[in-house]
Amino acid sequence: GGSLIAASLIAVPAKAATKMPQKAVSYQATPKGKARCDNCALWQAPASCKLVEGPIAASGWCVLYKAKG
């Protein structure tokens, strides 16, 4: 049982380390036209992204934007 807990704790930081810095993806806290984080396939409410680290504004945008659909 203890080894399962330890394994799951180790996996969490490794997953977080795969996110990219906001500067690397030209993140901005304002939309680019109709393209905005809260209608992107990578958006995770309330304020994060599957691929970009840090807090993400719903009205933000970056070069990884991919419309939901």
C-alpha atoms as a PDB file:
ATOM      1  CA  GLY A   1       0.000   0.000   0.000  1.00  0.00           C
ATOM      2  CA  GLY A   2       2.753   2.439   0.928  1.00  0.00           C
ATOM      3  CA  SER A   3       4.578   1.912  -2.338  1.00  0.00           C
ATOM      4  CA  LEU A   4       1.449   2.878  -4.293  1.00  0.00           C
ATOM      5  CA  ILE A   5       1.197   6.146  -2.390  1.00  0.00           C
ATOM      6  CA  ALA A   6       4.878   6.899  -2.949  1.00  0.00           C
ATOM      7  CA  ALA A   7       4.593   6.113  -6.669  1.00  0.00           C
ATOM      8  CA  SER A   8       1.604   8.426  -7.066  1.00  0.00           C
ATOM      9  CA  LEU A   9       3.410  11.261  -5.268  1.00  0.00           C
ATOM     10  CA  ILE A  10       6.422  10.876  -7.537  1.00  0.00           C
ATOM     11  CA  ALA A  11       4.254  10.937 -10.673  1.00  0.00           C
ATOM     12  CA  VAL A  12       2.619  14.291  -9.852  1.00  0.00           C
ATOM     13  CA  PRO A  13       5.758  16.491 -10.004  1.00  0.00           C
ATOM     14  CA  ALA A  14       6.944  14.716 -13.162  1.00  0.00           C
ATOM     15  CA  LYS A  15       3.647  15.511 -14.900  1.00  0.00           C
ATOM     16  CA  ALA A  16       3.778  19.165 -13.824  1.00  0.00           C
ATOM     17  CA  ALA A  17       7.337  19.465 -15.146  1.00  0.00           C
ATOM     18  CA  THR A  18       6.108  18.781 -18.685  1.00  0.00           C
ATOM     19  CA  LYS A  19       4.212  22.083 -18.849  1.00  0.00           C
ATOM     20  CA  MET A  20       5.807  24.923 -20.788  1.00  0.00           C
ATOM     21  CA  PRO A  21       6.582  28.383 -19.405  1.00  0.00           C
ATOM     22  CA  GLN A  22       4.137  31.117 -20.411  1.00  0.00           C
ATOM     23  CA  LYS A  23       6.884  33.105 -22.168  1.00  0.00           C
ATOM     24  CA  ALA A  24       7.785  30.104 -24.361  1.00  0.00           C
ATOM     25  CA  VAL A  25       4.284  30.048 -25.863  1.00  0.00           C
ATOM     26  CA  SER A  26       3.804  33.833 -26.092  1.00  0.00           C
ATOM     27  CA  TYR A  27       1.013  33.713 -23.505  1.00  0.00           C
ATOM     28  CA  GLN A  28      -0.914  36.945 -23.023  1.00  0.00           C
ATOM     29  CA  ALA A  29      -3.763  37.631 -20.595  1.00  0.00           C
ATOM     30  CA  THR A  30      -5.878  39.157 -23.383  1.00  0.00           C
ATOM     31  CA  PRO A  31      -7.603  37.383 -26.281  1.00  0.00           C
ATOM     32  CA  LYS A  32      -6.471  37.400 -29.887  1.00  0.00           C
ATOM     33  CA  GLY A  33      -9.677  38.175 -31.704  1.00  0.00           C
ATOM     34  CA  LYS A  34     -12.192  35.441 -30.896  1.00  0.00           C
ATOM     35  CA  ALA A  35      -9.398  33.061 -29.855  1.00  0.00           C
ATOM     36  CA  ARG A  36      -9.231  32.895 -26.066  1.00  0.00           C
ATOM     37  CA  CYS A  37      -8.215  30.305 -23.498  1.00  0.00           C
ATOM     38  CA  ASP A  38     -11.703  29.441 -22.276  1.00  0.00           C
ATOM     39  CA  ASN A  39     -12.701  28.241 -25.760  1.00  0.00           C
ATOM     40  CA  CYS A  40      -9.442  26.341 -26.349  1.00  0.00           C
ATOM     41  CA  ALA A  41      -9.271  22.532 -26.296  1.00  0.00           C
ATOM     42  CA  LEU A  42      -6.381  22.770 -23.773  1.00  0.00           C
ATOM     43  CA  TRP A  43      -8.269  24.935 -21.225  1.00  0.00           C
ATOM     44  CA  GLN A  44      -8.809  23.543 -17.728  1.00  0.00           C
ATOM     45  CA  ALA A  45     -11.292  25.568 -15.674  1.00  0.00           C
ATOM     46  CA  PRO A  46     -11.101  27.575 -13.557  1.00  0.00           C
ATOM     47  CA  ALA A  47      -7.646  28.955 -14.465  1.00  0.00           C
ATOM     48  CA  SER A  48      -5.166  26.506 -15.980  1.00  0.00           C
ATOM     49  CA  CYS A  49      -3.987  24.852 -19.173  1.00  0.00           C
ATOM     50  CA  LYS A  50      -3.020  21.273 -20.003  1.00  0.00           C
ATOM     51  CA  LEU A  51       0.282  22.434 -21.522  1.00  0.00           C
ATOM     52  CA  VAL A  52       1.163  25.846 -20.040  1.00  0.00           C
ATOM     53  CA  GLU A  53       2.289  26.402 -16.466  1.00  0.00           C
ATOM     54  CA  GLY A  54       0.998  28.979 -14.028  1.00  0.00           C
ATOM     55  CA  PRO A  55      -2.351  30.683 -13.673  1.00  0.00           C
ATOM     56  CA  ILE A  56      -4.111  31.187 -16.992  1.00  0.00           C
ATOM     57  CA  ALA A  57      -6.736  33.874 -17.614  1.00  0.00           C
ATOM     58  CA  ALA A  58      -9.969  32.692 -19.240  1.00  0.00           C
ATOM     59  CA  SER A  59      -9.635  35.640 -21.622  1.00  0.00           C
ATOM     60  CA  GLY A  60      -5.977  34.856 -22.384  1.00  0.00           C
ATOM     61  CA  TRP A  61      -4.332  33.447 -25.512  1.00  0.00           C
ATOM     62  CA  CYS A  62      -1.109  31.723 -26.611  1.00  0.00           C
ATOM     63  CA  VAL A  63       0.401  30.169 -29.747  1.00  0.00           C
ATOM     64  CA  LEU A  64      -0.862  26.702 -28.702  1.00  0.00           C
ATOM     65  CA  TYR A  65      -4.484  27.823 -29.057  1.00  0.00           C
ATOM     66  CA  LYS A  66      -6.697  25.129 -30.598  1.00  0.00           C
ATOM     67  CA  ALA A  67     -10.422  25.764 -30.924  1.00  0.00           C
ATOM     68  CA  LYS A  68     -12.674  23.262 -29.162  1.00  0.00           C
ATOM     69  CA  GLY A  69     -14.494  21.104 -31.536  1.00  0.00           C
END
